[in-house]
PDB file of N, CA and C in Angstrom:
ATOM      1  N   MET A   1      97.369 103.446 104.752  1.00  0.00           N
ATOM      2  CA  MET A   1      96.997 101.655 104.531  1.00  0.00           C
ATOM      3  C   MET A   1      97.362 101.175 105.677  1.00  0.00           C
ATOM      4  N   LYS A   2      96.539 100.199 105.789  1.00  0.00           N
ATOM      5  CA  LYS A   2      96.741  99.234 107.056  1.00  0.00           C
ATOM      6  C   LYS A   2      97.257  98.305 106.624  1.00  0.00           C
ATOM      7  N   LEU A   3      98.285  97.144 106.407  1.00  0.00           N
ATOM      8  CA  LEU A   3      98.614  95.695 106.490  1.00  0.00           C
ATOM      9  C   LEU A   3      98.664  94.943 107.793  1.00  0.00           C
ATOM     10  N   GLN A   4      98.733  93.479 107.440  1.00  0.00           N
ATOM     11  CA  GLN A   4      99.165  92.960 107.959  1.00  0.00           C
ATOM     12  C   GLN A   4     100.568  92.276 107.692  1.00  0.00           C
ATOM     13  N   VAL A   5     101.139  91.888 108.647  1.00  0.00           N
ATOM     14  CA  VAL A   5     102.930  91.583 107.538  1.00  0.00           C
ATOM     15  C   VAL A   5     103.217  90.543 108.543  1.00  0.00           C
ATOM     16  N   GLU A   6     104.049  89.627 107.918  1.00  0.00           N
ATOM     17  CA  GLU A   6     104.143  88.402 108.736  1.00  0.00           C
ATOM     18  C   GLU A   6     105.429  88.214 108.908  1.00  0.00           C
ATOM     19  N   GLY A   7     106.399  87.341 109.581  1.00  0.00           N
ATOM     20  CA  GLY A   7     107.995  87.127 109.526  1.00  0.00           C
ATOM     21  C   GLY A   7     108.350  88.477 109.887  1.00  0.00           C
ATOM     22  N   MET A   8     107.878  89.150 110.613  1.00  0.00           N
ATOM     23  CA  MET A   8     108.912  90.142 111.743  1.00  0.00           C
ATOM     24  C   MET A   8     108.583  89.776 113.065  1.00  0.00           C
ATOM     25  N   THR A   9     110.532  89.964 113.835  1.00  0.00           N
ATOM     26  CA  THR A   9     110.698  89.056 114.506  1.00  0.00           C
ATOM     27  C   THR A   9     111.886  90.212 115.421  1.00  0.00           C
ATOM     28  N   CYS A  10     111.643  91.350 114.768  1.00  0.00           N
ATOM     29  CA  CYS A  10     113.148  91.944 115.582  1.00  0.00           C
ATOM     30  C   CYS A  10     113.519  93.347 115.254  1.00  0.00           C
ATOM     31  N   GLY A  11     113.879  94.496 115.615  1.00  0.00           N
ATOM     32  CA  GLY A  11     114.008  95.678 115.217  1.00  0.00           C
ATOM     33  C   GLY A  11     114.632  95.611 113.776  1.00  0.00           C
ATOM     34  N   GLY A  12     115.244  95.276 112.954  1.00  0.00           N
ATOM     35  CA  GLY A  12     115.979  94.769 112.037  1.00  0.00           C
ATOM     36  C   GLY A  12     115.032  94.168 111.033  1.00  0.00           C
ATOM     37  N   CYS A  13     114.079  93.594 111.884  1.00  0.00           N
ATOM     38  CA  CYS A  13     112.349  93.308 110.471  1.00  0.00           C
ATOM     39  C   CYS A  13     111.960  94.589 110.011  1.00  0.00           C
ATOM     40  N   VAL A  14     111.814  95.242 111.279  1.00  0.00           N
ATOM     41  CA  VAL A  14     110.822  96.402 111.069  1.00  0.00           C
ATOM     42  C   VAL A  14     111.527  97.595 110.066  1.00  0.00           C
ATOM     43  N   LYS A  15     112.806  97.591 110.296  1.00  0.00           N
ATOM     44  CA  LYS A  15     113.936  98.955 109.358  1.00  0.00           C
ATOM     45  C   LYS A  15     113.803  97.786 107.847  1.00  0.00           C
ATOM     46  N   ALA A  16     114.352  96.735 107.789  1.00  0.00           N
ATOM     47  CA  ALA A  16     113.928  96.333 106.348  1.00  0.00           C
ATOM     48  C   ALA A  16     112.461  96.350 105.983  1.00  0.00           C
ATOM     49  N   VAL A  17     111.472  96.046 106.416  1.00  0.00           N
ATOM     50  CA  VAL A  17     109.886  96.483 105.854  1.00  0.00           C
ATOM     51  C   VAL A  17     109.744  98.173 106.019  1.00  0.00           C
ATOM     52  N   THR A  18     110.252  98.839 106.574  1.00  0.00           N
ATOM     53  CA  THR A  18     110.125 100.457 106.390  1.00  0.00           C
ATOM     54  C   THR A  18     110.787 100.387 105.079  1.00  0.00           C
ATOM     55  N   ASN A  19     112.492  99.801 104.520  1.00  0.00           N
ATOM     56  CA  ASN A  19     113.037 100.584 103.883  1.00  0.00           C
ATOM     57  C   ASN A  19     112.090 100.131 102.447  1.00  0.00           C
ATOM     58  N   ILE A  20     111.604  99.099 102.632  1.00  0.00           N
ATOM     59  CA  ILE A  20     111.220  98.143 101.385  1.00  0.00           C
ATOM     60  C   ILE A  20     109.821  99.225 101.032  1.00  0.00           C
ATOM     61  N   ILE A  21     109.068 100.083 102.107  1.00  0.00           N
ATOM     62  CA  ILE A  21     107.978 100.528 101.406  1.00  0.00           C
ATOM     63  C   ILE A  21     108.771 101.784 101.295  1.00  0.00           C
ATOM     64  N   HIS A  22     109.659 102.327 101.746  1.00  0.00           N
ATOM     65  CA  HIS A  22     110.226 104.244 101.054  1.00  0.00           C
ATOM     66  C   HIS A  22     111.229 103.852 100.163  1.00  0.00           C
ATOM     67  N   GLU A  23     111.305 102.457  99.467  1.00  0.00           N
ATOM     68  CA  GLU A  23     111.553 102.429  98.035  1.00  0.00           C
ATOM     69  C   GLU A  23     110.466 102.658  97.129  1.00  0.00           C
ATOM     70  N   LEU A  24     109.385 102.295  97.501  1.00  0.00           N
ATOM     71  CA  LEU A  24     108.162 102.681  96.508  1.00  0.00           C
ATOM     72  C   LEU A  24     107.568 103.926  97.106  1.00  0.00           C
ATOM     73  N   ASP A  25     107.516 104.248  98.092  1.00  0.00           N
ATOM     74  CA  ASP A  25     107.479 106.203  98.237  1.00  0.00           C
ATOM     75  C   ASP A  25     108.406 106.461  99.235  1.00  0.00           C
ATOM     76  N   ASP A  26     109.466 107.374  98.748  1.00  0.00           N
ATOM     77  CA  ASP A  26     110.383 108.050  99.438  1.00  0.00           C
ATOM     78  C   ASP A  26     109.823 108.735 100.959  1.00  0.00           C
ATOM     79  N   ALA A  27     108.666 109.755 100.707  1.00  0.00           N
ATOM     80  CA  ALA A  27     107.919 110.511 101.478  1.00  0.00           C
ATOM     81  C   ALA A  27     107.034 109.423 102.356  1.00  0.00           C
ATOM     82  N   ALA A  28     106.690 108.560 101.933  1.00  0.00           N
ATOM     83  CA  ALA A  28     105.926 107.881 103.202  1.00  0.00           C
ATOM     84  C   ALA A  28     106.051 107.375 104.883  1.00  0.00           C
ATOM     85  N   GLU A  29     105.092 107.784 105.621  1.00  0.00           N
ATOM     86  CA  GLU A  29     105.122 107.158 106.703  1.00  0.00           C
ATOM     87  C   GLU A  29     104.959 106.024 107.050  1.00  0.00           C
ATOM     88  N   VAL A  30     105.298 105.125 108.048  1.00  0.00           N
ATOM     89  CA  VAL A  30     105.556 104.206 108.351  1.00  0.00           C
ATOM     90  C   VAL A  30     105.456 103.597 109.908  1.00  0.00           C
ATOM     91  N   THR A  31     104.754 102.879 110.373  1.00  0.00           N
ATOM     92  CA  THR A  31     104.565 102.630 111.370  1.00  0.00           C
ATOM     93  C   THR A  31     104.411 101.103 111.615  1.00  0.00           C
ATOM     94  N   VAL A  32     105.061 100.825 112.714  1.00  0.00           N
ATOM     95  CA  VAL A  32     104.695  99.059 112.800  1.00  0.00           C
ATOM     96  C   VAL A  32     104.844  98.759 113.981  1.00  0.00           C
ATOM     97  N   ASP A  33     104.114  98.019 114.418  1.00  0.00           N
ATOM     98  CA  ASP A  33     103.895  97.108 115.721  1.00  0.00           C
ATOM     99  C   ASP A  33     104.399  95.646 115.722  1.00  0.00           C
ATOM    100  N   LEU A  34     105.665  95.938 115.939  1.00  0.00           N
ATOM    101  CA  LEU A  34     105.939  94.236 115.627  1.00  0.00           C
ATOM    102  C   LEU A  34     105.483  93.386 116.432  1.00  0.00           C
ATOM    103  N   ALA A  35     105.051  93.175 117.938  1.00  0.00           N
ATOM    104  CA  ALA A  35     104.059  92.766 118.706  1.00  0.00           C
ATOM    105  C   ALA A  35     102.796  91.947 117.912  1.00  0.00           C
ATOM    106  N   THR A  36     102.138  92.927 117.202  1.00  0.00           N
ATOM    107  CA  THR A  36     101.237  92.373 116.516  1.00  0.00           C
ATOM    108  C   THR A  36     100.915  91.832 114.913  1.00  0.00           C
ATOM    109  N   GLY A  37     102.399  92.679 114.079  1.00  0.00           N
ATOM    110  CA  GLY A  37     102.700  92.417 113.081  1.00  0.00           C
ATOM    111  C   GLY A  37     101.508  93.667 111.983  1.00  0.00           C
ATOM    112  N   VAL A  38     100.894  94.581 112.574  1.00  0.00           N
ATOM    113  CA  VAL A  38     100.760  95.215 111.928  1.00  0.00           C
ATOM    114  C   VAL A  38     101.551  96.690 111.200  1.00  0.00           C
ATOM    115  N   VAL A  39     101.089  96.506 110.221  1.00  0.00           N
ATOM    116  CA  VAL A  39     101.993  98.295 109.512  1.00  0.00           C
ATOM    117  C   VAL A  39     101.036  99.253 109.055  1.00  0.00           C
ATOM    118  N   GLN A  40     100.885 100.324 108.898  1.00  0.00           N
ATOM    119  CA  GLN A  40     100.305 101.501 108.753  1.00  0.00           C
ATOM    120  C   GLN A  40     101.383 102.430 108.141  1.00  0.00           C
ATOM    121  N   THR A  41     100.606 102.705 106.828  1.00  0.00           N
ATOM    122  CA  THR A  41     101.496 102.972 105.823  1.00  0.00           C
ATOM    123  C   THR A  41     100.864 104.343 105.003  1.00  0.00           C
ATOM    124  N   THR A  42     101.647 105.603 104.799  1.00  0.00           N
ATOM    125  CA  THR A  42     100.927 106.700 103.927  1.00  0.00           C
ATOM    126  C   THR A  42     101.018 106.617 102.523  1.00  0.00           C
ATOM    127  N   ALA A  43     101.772 105.450 102.148  1.00  0.00           N
ATOM    128  CA  ALA A  43     102.357 105.339 100.655  1.00  0.00           C
ATOM    129  C   ALA A  43     101.202 105.431  99.675  1.00  0.00           C
ATOM    130  N   LYS A  44     101.650 106.562  99.265  1.00  0.00           N
ATOM    131  CA  LYS A  44     101.272 106.601  98.087  1.00  0.00           C
ATOM    132  C   LYS A  44     101.086 105.233  96.854  1.00  0.00           C
ATOM    133  N   ALA A  45     101.854 104.039  96.802  1.00  0.00           N
ATOM    134  CA  ALA A  45     101.637 103.264  95.774  1.00  0.00           C
ATOM    135  C   ALA A  45     100.414 102.332  95.978  1.00  0.00           C
ATOM    136  N   ASP A  46     100.041 101.398  94.929  1.00  0.00           N
ATOM    137  CA  ASP A  46      98.868 100.772  95.424  1.00  0.00           C
ATOM    138  C   ASP A  46      99.352  99.736  96.335  1.00  0.00           C
ATOM    139  N   ALA A  47      98.274  99.920  96.744  1.00  0.00           N
ATOM    140  CA  ALA A  47      98.229  98.239  97.964  1.00  0.00           C
ATOM    141  C   ALA A  47      98.835  97.004  97.799  1.00  0.00           C
ATOM    142  N   ASP A  48      98.951  96.363  96.443  1.00  0.00           N
ATOM    143  CA  ASP A  48      99.388  94.944  95.684  1.00  0.00           C
ATOM    144  C   ASP A  48     100.616  95.437  95.348  1.00  0.00           C
ATOM    145  N   ALA A  49     100.992  96.641  94.917  1.00  0.00           N
ATOM    146  CA  ALA A  49     102.549  96.822  94.736  1.00  0.00           C
ATOM    147  C   ALA A  49     102.898  96.744  96.177  1.00  0.00           C
ATOM    148  N   VAL A  50     102.768  97.243  97.170  1.00  0.00           N
ATOM    149  CA  VAL A  50     103.268  97.500  98.391  1.00  0.00           C
ATOM    150  C   VAL A  50     103.325  95.866  98.628  1.00  0.00           C
ATOM    151  N   CYS A  51     102.114  95.343  98.996  1.00  0.00           N
ATOM    152  CA  CYS A  51     102.670  93.658  99.323  1.00  0.00           C
ATOM    153  C   CYS A  51     103.444  92.952  98.802  1.00  0.00           C
ATOM    154  N   GLU A  52     103.103  92.894  97.229  1.00  0.00           N
ATOM    155  CA  GLU A  52     103.973  92.166  96.444  1.00  0.00           C
ATOM    156  C   GLU A  52     105.046  92.310  96.531  1.00  0.00           C
ATOM    157  N   ALA A  53     105.975  93.705  96.981  1.00  0.00           N
ATOM    158  CA  ALA A  53     107.427  94.317  97.412  1.00  0.00           C
ATOM    159  C   ALA A  53     107.707  93.631  98.728  1.00  0.00           C
ATOM    160  N   LEU A  54     106.478  93.423  99.905  1.00  0.00           N
ATOM    161  CA  LEU A  54     107.136  92.983 101.254  1.00  0.00           C
ATOM    162  C   LEU A  54     107.473  91.622 101.132  1.00  0.00           C
ATOM    163  N   ASP A  55     106.163  91.097 100.168  1.00  0.00           N
ATOM    164  CA  ASP A  55     106.540  89.700 100.029  1.00  0.00           C
ATOM    165  C   ASP A  55     107.815  89.713  99.439  1.00  0.00           C
ATOM    166  N   ASP A  56     108.365  89.605  98.329  1.00  0.00           N
ATOM    167  CA  ASP A  56     109.603  89.919  97.517  1.00  0.00           C
ATOM    168  C   ASP A  56     110.883  89.603  98.854  1.00  0.00           C
ATOM    169  N   GLY A  57     110.340  90.508  99.589  1.00  0.00           N
ATOM    170  CA  GLY A  57     111.651  91.066 100.592  1.00  0.00           C
ATOM    171  C   GLY A  57     111.611  89.806 101.643  1.00  0.00           C
ATOM    172  N   GLY A  58     110.548  88.936 101.507  1.00  0.00           N
ATOM    173  CA  GLY A  58     110.315  87.652 102.611  1.00  0.00           C
ATOM    174  C   GLY A  58     109.608  88.250 103.914  1.00  0.00           C
ATOM    175  N   PHE A  59     108.613  89.021 103.781  1.00  0.00           N
ATOM    176  CA  PHE A  59     107.616  89.514 104.445  1.00  0.00           C
ATOM    177  C   PHE A  59     106.382  89.504 103.808  1.00  0.00           C
ATOM    178  N   PRO A  60     105.632  88.109 104.445  1.00  0.00           N
ATOM    179  CA  PRO A  60     104.142  87.875 103.356  1.00  0.00           C
ATOM    180  C   PRO A  60     103.501  89.030 103.776  1.00  0.00           C
ATOM    181  N   ALA A  61     102.765  89.437 103.097  1.00  0.00           N
ATOM    182  CA  ALA A  61     101.706  90.466 103.714  1.00  0.00           C
ATOM    183  C   ALA A  61     100.194  90.817 102.788  1.00  0.00           C
ATOM    184  N   ARG A  62      99.546  91.084 104.186  1.00  0.00           N
ATOM    185  CA  ARG A  62      98.295  91.474 103.197  1.00  0.00           C
ATOM    186  C   ARG A  62      97.316  92.691 103.205  1.00  0.00           C
ATOM    187  N   VAL A  63      96.661  92.951 102.719  1.00  0.00           N
ATOM    188  CA  VAL A  63      95.558  94.058 103.477  1.00  0.00           C
ATOM    189  C   VAL A  63      94.874  94.037 104.787  1.00  0.00           C
ATOM    190  N   SER A  64      94.543  94.407 105.624  1.00  0.00           N
ATOM    191  CA  SER A  64      94.127  93.917 107.228  1.00  0.00           C
ATOM    192  C   SER A  64      93.097  95.361 106.708  1.00  0.00           C
ATOM    193  N   ASP A  65      91.835  95.024 107.825  1.00  0.00           N
ATOM    194  CA  ASP A  65      90.711  95.700 107.420  1.00  0.00           C
ATOM    195  C   ASP A  65      91.131  96.689 108.852  1.00  0.00           C
TER     196      ASP A  65
END
């Protein structure tokens, strides 16, 4: 799934976003493009659940086309 995530400004944010997704699916692959705010993941969790978890972690997210 491809997500647009706001609020990421540094490597620490990238790690936090990755950790949030791994809490939902430990085996998920996560690729973060800090410059564009695009996060791609193979997480098996529902996209809404991933977005909600990221929102709760301080990183507003939505599914990207």
